[in-house]
Structure formats: C-alpha cells, structure tokens
C-alpha atoms as a PDB file:
ATOM      1  CA  UNK A   1      13.961  13.951  -5.383  1.00  0.00           C
ATOM      2  CA  UNK A   2      16.094  12.441  -8.224  1.00  0.00           C
ATOM      3  CA  UNK A   3      16.124   9.038  -6.474  1.00  0.00           C
ATOM      4  CA  UNK A   4      12.335   8.997  -6.156  1.00  0.00           C
ATOM      5  CA  UNK A   5      12.002  10.072  -9.791  1.00  0.00           C
ATOM      6  CA  UNK A   6      14.242   7.230 -10.987  1.00  0.00           C
ATOM      7  CA  UNK A   7      12.234   4.610  -9.059  1.00  0.00           C
ATOM      8  CA  UNK A   8       8.862   5.812 -10.352  1.00  0.00           C
ATOM      9  CA  UNK A   9      10.057   6.019 -13.967  1.00  0.00           C
ATOM     10  CA  UNK A  10      11.578   2.529 -13.704  1.00  0.00           C
ATOM     11  CA  UNK A  11       8.293   1.106 -12.433  1.00  0.00           C
ATOM     12  CA  UNK A  12       6.295   2.784 -15.190  1.00  0.00           C
ATOM     13  CA  UNK A  13       8.667   1.511 -17.870  1.00  0.00           C
ATOM     14  CA  UNK A  14       8.407  -1.994 -16.421  1.00  0.00           C
ATOM     15  CA  UNK A  15       4.627  -2.009 -16.627  1.00  0.00           C
ATOM     16  CA  UNK A  16       4.465  -1.202 -20.305  1.00  0.00           C
ATOM     17  CA  UNK A  17       6.798  -4.139 -21.025  1.00  0.00           C
ATOM     18  CA  UNK A  18       4.422  -6.792 -19.668  1.00  0.00           C
ATOM     19  CA  UNK A  19       3.638  -9.392 -22.330  1.00  0.00           C
ATOM     20  CA  UNK A  20       0.200 -10.326 -23.587  1.00  0.00           C
ATOM     21  CA  UNK A  21       0.418 -13.452 -21.403  1.00  0.00           C
ATOM     22  CA  UNK A  22       0.437 -11.352 -18.224  1.00  0.00           C
ATOM     23  CA  UNK A  23      -2.351 -11.986 -15.725  1.00  0.00           C
ATOM     24  CA  UNK A  24      -3.962  -9.119 -13.851  1.00  0.00           C
ATOM     25  CA  UNK A  25      -6.212  -8.699 -10.845  1.00  0.00           C
ATOM     26  CA  UNK A  26      -7.961  -5.497  -9.882  1.00  0.00           C
ATOM     27  CA  UNK A  27     -10.112  -4.683  -6.855  1.00  0.00           C
ATOM     28  CA  UNK A  28     -12.009  -1.480  -6.129  1.00  0.00           C
ATOM     29  CA  UNK A  29     -13.244  -0.164  -2.787  1.00  0.00           C
ATOM     30  CA  UNK A  30     -15.399   2.759  -1.751  1.00  0.00           C
ATOM     31  CA  UNK A  31     -14.158   4.923   1.123  1.00  0.00           C
ATOM     32  CA  UNK A  32     -17.017   5.842   3.440  1.00  0.00           C
ATOM     33  CA  UNK A  33     -17.213   8.400   6.239  1.00  0.00           C
ATOM     34  CA  UNK A  34     -20.306   8.165   8.455  1.00  0.00           C
ATOM     35  CA  UNK A  35     -22.083   6.281   5.678  1.00  0.00           C
ATOM     36  CA  UNK A  36     -21.235   8.765   2.917  1.00  0.00           C
ATOM     37  CA  UNK A  37     -18.867   7.946   0.080  1.00  0.00           C
ATOM     38  CA  UNK A  38     -15.882  10.316   0.023  1.00  0.00           C
ATOM     39  CA  UNK A  39     -13.472   8.432  -2.232  1.00  0.00           C
ATOM     40  CA  UNK A  40     -12.228   5.234  -3.805  1.00  0.00           C
ATOM     41  CA  UNK A  41      -9.322   2.801  -3.699  1.00  0.00           C
ATOM     42  CA  UNK A  42      -8.004   0.907  -6.702  1.00  0.00           C
ATOM     43  CA  UNK A  43      -5.687  -2.075  -6.128  1.00  0.00           C
ATOM     44  CA  UNK A  44      -4.034  -3.706  -9.147  1.00  0.00           C
ATOM     45  CA  UNK A  45      -1.720  -6.722  -9.349  1.00  0.00           C
ATOM     46  CA  UNK A  46      -0.049  -7.840 -12.590  1.00  0.00           C
ATOM     47  CA  UNK A  47       2.010 -11.044 -12.911  1.00  0.00           C
ATOM     48  CA  UNK A  48       4.243 -12.003 -15.828  1.00  0.00           C
ATOM     49  CA  UNK A  49       7.331 -14.247 -16.232  1.00  0.00           C
ATOM     50  CA  UNK A  50       8.437 -14.239 -12.591  1.00  0.00           C
ATOM     51  CA  UNK A  51       7.720 -10.542 -12.072  1.00  0.00           C
ATOM     52  CA  UNK A  52       4.797  -8.929 -10.275  1.00  0.00           C
ATOM     53  CA  UNK A  53       3.753  -5.312  -9.917  1.00  0.00           C
ATOM     54  CA  UNK A  54       1.375  -3.890  -7.325  1.00  0.00           C
ATOM     55  CA  UNK A  55      -0.262  -0.496  -7.542  1.00  0.00           C
ATOM     56  CA  UNK A  56      -2.646   0.737  -4.821  1.00  0.00           C
ATOM     57  CA  UNK A  57      -4.096   4.223  -5.210  1.00  0.00           C
ATOM     58  CA  UNK A  58      -6.593   5.982  -2.958  1.00  0.00           C
ATOM     59  CA  UNK A  59      -8.344   9.251  -3.774  1.00  0.00           C
ATOM     60  CA  UNK A  60     -10.407  11.038  -1.119  1.00  0.00           C
ATOM     61  CA  UNK A  61     -12.141  14.419  -1.135  1.00  0.00           C
ATOM     62  CA  UNK A  62     -13.554  15.875   2.082  1.00  0.00           C
ATOM     63  CA  UNK A  63     -14.444  19.188   3.700  1.00  0.00           C
ATOM     64  CA  UNK A  64     -13.347  20.776   6.955  1.00  0.00           C
ATOM     65  CA  UNK A  65     -15.651  23.696   7.735  1.00  0.00           C
ATOM     66  CA  UNK A  66     -15.999  25.359   4.312  1.00  0.00           C
ATOM     67  CA  UNK A  67     -12.699  24.269   2.790  1.00  0.00           C
ATOM     68  CA  UNK A  68     -12.382  21.253   0.490  1.00  0.00           C
ATOM     69  CA  UNK A  69      -9.370  18.917   0.597  1.00  0.00           C
ATOM     70  CA  UNK A  70      -8.182  16.189  -1.764  1.00  0.00           C
ATOM     71  CA  UNK A  71      -5.880  13.482  -0.403  1.00  0.00           C
ATOM     72  CA  UNK A  72      -4.235  10.952  -2.692  1.00  0.00           C
ATOM     73  CA  UNK A  73      -1.962   8.079  -1.733  1.00  0.00           C
ATOM     74  CA  UNK A  74       0.069   5.764  -3.945  1.00  0.00           C
ATOM     75  CA  UNK A  75       1.814   2.473  -3.174  1.00  0.00           C
ATOM     76  CA  UNK A  76       3.830   1.111  -6.089  1.00  0.00           C
ATOM     77  CA  UNK A  77       5.921  -2.081  -5.940  1.00  0.00           C
ATOM     78  CA  UNK A  78       7.888  -4.237  -8.332  1.00  0.00           C
ATOM     79  CA  UNK A  79       8.531  -7.864  -7.288  1.00  0.00           C
ATOM     80  CA  UNK A  80      11.041 -10.137  -9.028  1.00  0.00           C
ATOM     81  CA  UNK A  81      11.520 -13.794  -8.051  1.00  0.00           C
ATOM     82  CA  UNK A  82       9.451 -13.239  -4.875  1.00  0.00           C
ATOM     83  CA  UNK A  83      11.621 -10.319  -3.708  1.00  0.00           C
ATOM     84  CA  UNK A  84      10.734  -6.630  -3.629  1.00  0.00           C
ATOM     85  CA  UNK A  85      13.027  -4.950  -6.148  1.00  0.00           C
ATOM     86  CA  UNK A  86      11.639  -1.425  -5.904  1.00  0.00           C
ATOM     87  CA  UNK A  87       8.867   0.349  -4.059  1.00  0.00           C
ATOM     88  CA  UNK A  88       7.487   3.849  -3.743  1.00  0.00           C
ATOM     89  CA  UNK A  89       4.855   5.254  -1.401  1.00  0.00           C
ATOM     90  CA  UNK A  90       3.548   8.810  -1.583  1.00  0.00           C
ATOM     91  CA  UNK A  91       0.905  10.949   0.128  1.00  0.00           C
ATOM     92  CA  UNK A  92      -0.361  14.138  -1.491  1.00  0.00           C
ATOM     93  CA  UNK A  93      -2.725  16.762  -0.104  1.00  0.00           C
ATOM     94  CA  UNK A  94      -4.211  19.119  -2.706  1.00  0.00           C
ATOM     95  CA  UNK A  95      -1.405  17.973  -5.062  1.00  0.00           C
ATOM     96  CA  UNK A  96       1.317  18.897  -2.556  1.00  0.00           C
ATOM     97  CA  UNK A  97       3.486  16.052  -1.310  1.00  0.00           C
ATOM     98  CA  UNK A  98       3.134  15.514   2.432  1.00  0.00           C
ATOM     99  CA  UNK A  99       5.130  12.311   2.791  1.00  0.00           C
ATOM    100  CA  UNK A 100       6.929   9.680   0.730  1.00  0.00           C
ATOM    101  CA  UNK A 101       9.144   6.625   1.100  1.00  0.00           C
ATOM    102  CA  UNK A 102      11.057   4.507  -1.391  1.00  0.00           C
ATOM    103  CA  UNK A 103      13.480   1.618  -1.469  1.00  0.00           C
ATOM    104  CA  UNK A 104      15.451  -0.401  -4.003  1.00  0.00           C
ATOM    105  CA  UNK A 105      17.305  -3.704  -3.655  1.00  0.00           C
ATOM    106  CA  UNK A 106      21.090  -3.775  -4.216  1.00  0.00           C
ATOM    107  CA  UNK A 107      23.658  -6.383  -3.068  1.00  0.00           C
ATOM    108  CA  UNK A 108      21.610  -8.053  -0.303  1.00  0.00           C
ATOM    109  CA  UNK A 109      20.331  -4.798   1.156  1.00  0.00           C
ATOM    110  CA  UNK A 110      17.661  -2.181   0.521  1.00  0.00           C
ATOM    111  CA  UNK A 111      18.632   1.427  -0.087  1.00  0.00           C
ATOM    112  CA  UNK A 112      15.845   3.363   1.609  1.00  0.00           C
ATOM    113  CA  UNK A 113      14.670   6.965   1.556  1.00  0.00           C
ATOM    114  CA  UNK A 114      12.039   8.694   3.684  1.00  0.00           C
ATOM    115  CA  UNK A 115      10.843  12.198   2.950  1.00  0.00           C
ATOM    116  CA  UNK A 116      12.279  14.741   3.305  1.00  0.00           C
ATOM    117  CA  UNK A 117      15.934  13.728   3.778  1.00  0.00           C
ATOM    118  CA  UNK A 118      16.362  10.426   5.643  1.00  0.00           C
ATOM    119  CA  UNK A 119      18.547   7.741   4.004  1.00  0.00           C
ATOM    120  CA  UNK A 120      19.284   4.323   5.487  1.00  0.00           C
ATOM    121  CA  UNK A 121      19.842   0.656   4.573  1.00  0.00           C
ATOM    122  CA  UNK A 122      17.876  -2.473   5.441  1.00  0.00           C
ATOM    123  CA  UNK A 123      20.376  -5.322   5.559  1.00  0.00           C
ATOM    124  CA  UNK A 124      19.417  -8.922   4.699  1.00  0.00           C
ATOM    125  CA  UNK A 125      15.691  -8.157   4.977  1.00  0.00           C
ATOM    126  CA  UNK A 126      13.481 -11.088   4.005  1.00  0.00           C
ATOM    127  CA  UNK A 127      10.215  -9.321   3.132  1.00  0.00           C
ATOM    128  CA  UNK A 128       7.617 -11.904   2.178  1.00  0.00           C
ATOM    129  CA  UNK A 129       4.371 -10.159   3.163  1.00  0.00           C
ATOM    130  CA  UNK A 130       3.789  -6.425   2.691  1.00  0.00           C
ATOM    131  CA  UNK A 131       0.794  -4.112   3.014  1.00  0.00           C
ATOM    132  CA  UNK A 132      -0.164  -3.989  -0.685  1.00  0.00           C
ATOM    133  CA  UNK A 133      -0.477  -7.782  -0.647  1.00  0.00           C
ATOM    134  CA  UNK A 134      -3.280  -7.503   1.929  1.00  0.00           C
ATOM    135  CA  UNK A 135      -5.614  -6.428  -0.879  1.00  0.00           C
ATOM    136  CA  UNK A 136      -5.044  -9.747  -2.676  1.00  0.00           C
ATOM    137  CA  UNK A 137      -4.158 -12.404  -0.105  1.00  0.00           C
ATOM    138  CA  UNK A 138      -5.559 -13.123   3.358  1.00  0.00           C
ATOM    139  CA  UNK A 139      -2.684 -12.994   5.903  1.00  0.00           C
ATOM    140  CA  UNK A 140      -3.230 -16.449   7.388  1.00  0.00           C
ATOM    141  CA  UNK A 141      -0.540 -17.257  10.013  1.00  0.00           C
ATOM    142  CA  UNK A 142       1.172 -13.915   9.321  1.00  0.00           C
ATOM    143  CA  UNK A 143       2.462 -12.149  12.446  1.00  0.00           C
ATOM    144  CA  UNK A 144       3.865  -8.962  10.912  1.00  0.00           C
ATOM    145  CA  UNK A 145       3.399  -6.959   7.719  1.00  0.00           C
ATOM    146  CA  UNK A 146       6.056  -4.813   6.063  1.00  0.00           C
ATOM    147  CA  UNK A 147       4.782  -1.282   5.444  1.00  0.00           C
ATOM    148  CA  UNK A 148       5.852   0.369   2.186  1.00  0.00           C
ATOM    149  CA  UNK A 149       4.920   3.718   3.729  1.00  0.00           C
ATOM    150  CA  UNK A 150       6.868   3.403   6.989  1.00  0.00           C
ATOM    151  CA  UNK A 151       9.580   1.029   5.668  1.00  0.00           C
ATOM    152  CA  UNK A 152       9.316  -1.170   8.734  1.00  0.00           C
ATOM    153  CA  UNK A 153       7.421  -4.189  10.043  1.00  0.00           C
ATOM    154  CA  UNK A 154       4.020  -3.728  11.692  1.00  0.00           C
ATOM    155  CA  UNK A 155       2.496  -6.243  14.135  1.00  0.00           C
ATOM    156  CA  UNK A 156      -0.541  -8.143  12.854  1.00  0.00           C
ATOM    157  CA  UNK A 157      -3.007  -9.802  15.221  1.00  0.00           C
ATOM    158  CA  UNK A 158      -5.609 -12.361  14.137  1.00  0.00           C
ATOM    159  CA  UNK A 159      -8.933 -11.463  15.803  1.00  0.00           C
ATOM    160  CA  UNK A 160     -10.899 -14.476  14.598  1.00  0.00           C
ATOM    161  CA  UNK A 161     -13.675 -14.724  12.013  1.00  0.00           C
ATOM    162  CA  UNK A 162     -11.153 -13.704   9.288  1.00  0.00           C
ATOM    163  CA  UNK A 163     -10.481 -10.323  10.909  1.00  0.00           C
ATOM    164  CA  UNK A 164      -6.960  -8.946  11.477  1.00  0.00           C
ATOM    165  CA  UNK A 165      -5.692  -5.910  13.373  1.00  0.00           C
ATOM    166  CA  UNK A 166      -2.678  -4.122  11.910  1.00  0.00           C
ATOM    167  CA  UNK A 167      -0.863  -1.817  14.353  1.00  0.00           C
ATOM    168  CA  UNK A 168       0.994   1.029  12.655  1.00  0.00           C
ATOM    169  CA  UNK A 169       4.170   2.771  13.894  1.00  0.00           C
ATOM    170  CA  UNK A 170       2.238   6.042  14.360  1.00  0.00           C
ATOM    171  CA  UNK A 171       0.019   4.400  16.985  1.00  0.00           C
ATOM    172  CA  UNK A 172      -2.988   3.946  14.692  1.00  0.00           C
ATOM    173  CA  UNK A 173      -4.760   0.692  13.877  1.00  0.00           C
ATOM    174  CA  UNK A 174      -6.592  -0.781  10.894  1.00  0.00           C
ATOM    175  CA  UNK A 175      -8.959  -3.778  10.949  1.00  0.00           C
ATOM    176  CA  UNK A 176      -9.020  -5.961   7.807  1.00  0.00           C
ATOM    177  CA  UNK A 177     -11.927  -8.348   7.120  1.00  0.00           C
ATOM    178  CA  UNK A 178     -11.850 -11.181   4.566  1.00  0.00           C
ATOM    179  CA  UNK A 179     -14.478 -13.464   3.035  1.00  0.00           C
ATOM    180  CA  UNK A 180     -13.565 -16.475   0.917  1.00  0.00           C
ATOM    181  CA  UNK A 181      -9.936 -15.330   1.039  1.00  0.00           C
ATOM    182  CA  UNK A 182     -10.751 -11.882  -0.393  1.00  0.00           C
ATOM    183  CA  UNK A 183     -10.501  -8.532   1.367  1.00  0.00           C
ATOM    184  CA  UNK A 184     -14.018  -7.109   1.746  1.00  0.00           C
ATOM    185  CA  UNK A 185     -13.600  -4.335   4.324  1.00  0.00           C
ATOM    186  CA  UNK A 186     -11.009  -2.198   6.091  1.00  0.00           C
ATOM    187  CA  UNK A 187     -11.973  -0.278   9.210  1.00  0.00           C
ATOM    188  CA  UNK A 188      -9.732   2.723   9.868  1.00  0.00           C
ATOM    189  CA  UNK A 189     -10.092   4.078  13.405  1.00  0.00           C
ATOM    190  CA  UNK A 190      -8.658   7.558  13.923  1.00  0.00           C
ATOM    191  CA  UNK A 191      -8.813  10.159  16.698  1.00  0.00           C
ATOM    192  CA  UNK A 192     -11.498  12.380  15.189  1.00  0.00           C
ATOM    193  CA  UNK A 193     -13.197  10.030  12.732  1.00  0.00           C
ATOM    194  CA  UNK A 194     -13.384   6.502  11.407  1.00  0.00           C
ATOM    195  CA  UNK A 195     -13.439   5.295   7.812  1.00  0.00           C
ATOM    196  CA  UNK A 196     -14.600   2.111   6.107  1.00  0.00           C
ATOM    197  CA  UNK A 197     -13.194   0.764   2.870  1.00  0.00           C
ATOM    198  CA  UNK A 198     -15.816  -1.529   1.342  1.00  0.00           C
ATOM    199  CA  UNK A 199     -15.297  -3.746  -1.689  1.00  0.00           C
ATOM    200  CA  UNK A 200     -17.315  -2.860  -4.767  1.00  0.00           C
ATOM    201  CA  UNK A 201     -19.258  -5.729  -6.301  1.00  0.00           C
END
C-alpha cells in the first residue's frame, strides 16, 4: 500500500509541474454493450521537455439481474527520455480495489508490485511499446506489447486492414482497429459478453 501511494502521488505532482509549453493529446471512447452505451474511456498524453505522461481511465456502469455495478480502471505512466520511470494500474469495483500493479525504474531494473503481495524485479527490460501507447500510436511492425496491468509482454498479431489482435496473459483477446494512424475501435471478446470501444468524434 505505501509503495503504491508513493507512485501515485509522484505522478500527480509531476503533472502539475508541466510548463505552459507542454503539448497534450486527448481521445475519448464510448464503451458499448449490445449497442447500448455503458461507459467511457478517456486517454490523455502530455509531453514536455523530454518527459511524457499517459493517463487512461475507463468508467463503466452495468447491471447483473437487479444489482448495479461500477467498474473503474486506471493506467498511469510517467516516461522520461523514452523510458518508463513509473507506472500504476488499478481496477476498482464499486470503489473497492480488485487488482493493481505498479513499477518504478531503479539502477537498470524495475521494482514491481502486483496486488496483493507479490514483489519482483524486471532486469534490463527495454520497454518501448506499452498498452497505453496503443491509444495514440498504431503498432506498425510491433510484435509484442508490454502490459502495465500484467507487468509482462503480450503477443500482438497484425490481422491486416490496420487491425491487430492482442493476446492477454489471462487467455482473453482484444482487437484494435486504426484509421489514418488513429485508434478508432477496440473489440473486447469475453466469455459471456463482448464490448466495443468506439472513438467519439
């Protein structure tokens, strides 16, 4: 808990120190289930003086029988000189944390934590393409994507026509579709349902 708190506070403090010359990109997506909107995704990228921050937040509300659920996810990264310095990923159901992962770069290795009590190091990891970047940059010629949630690499397969299949460690798959280099849709295929993330215009 203290380690996660330190990372999140550090990232928040970093953001407020961006200069007026910083450049920002923001993309919004609706989350649709069987044609009905059940939530939104906000993806923000801010660049300034060799540093970049990414923040991807999803917020979904749905019902199972007569009970309502709210699921929020957060992916928060700080990049310095093209290297991930810190990252945090969290999943919350009705404001209760279900899962989280964090890492921070020290002395050529990443100190990693996965909820609830797993600690490990990633040695000499060269992480150039990660999942938050998929909202801003088409993964042309990319064969694997580093997941901030799972803290490991996930295979990426080009399907043609600017579509890419990302295989996750939990056995699930997402299909990303791009147009003019921009992410326009994510198809999330799950056991009991499927979701579509569609870019807002």
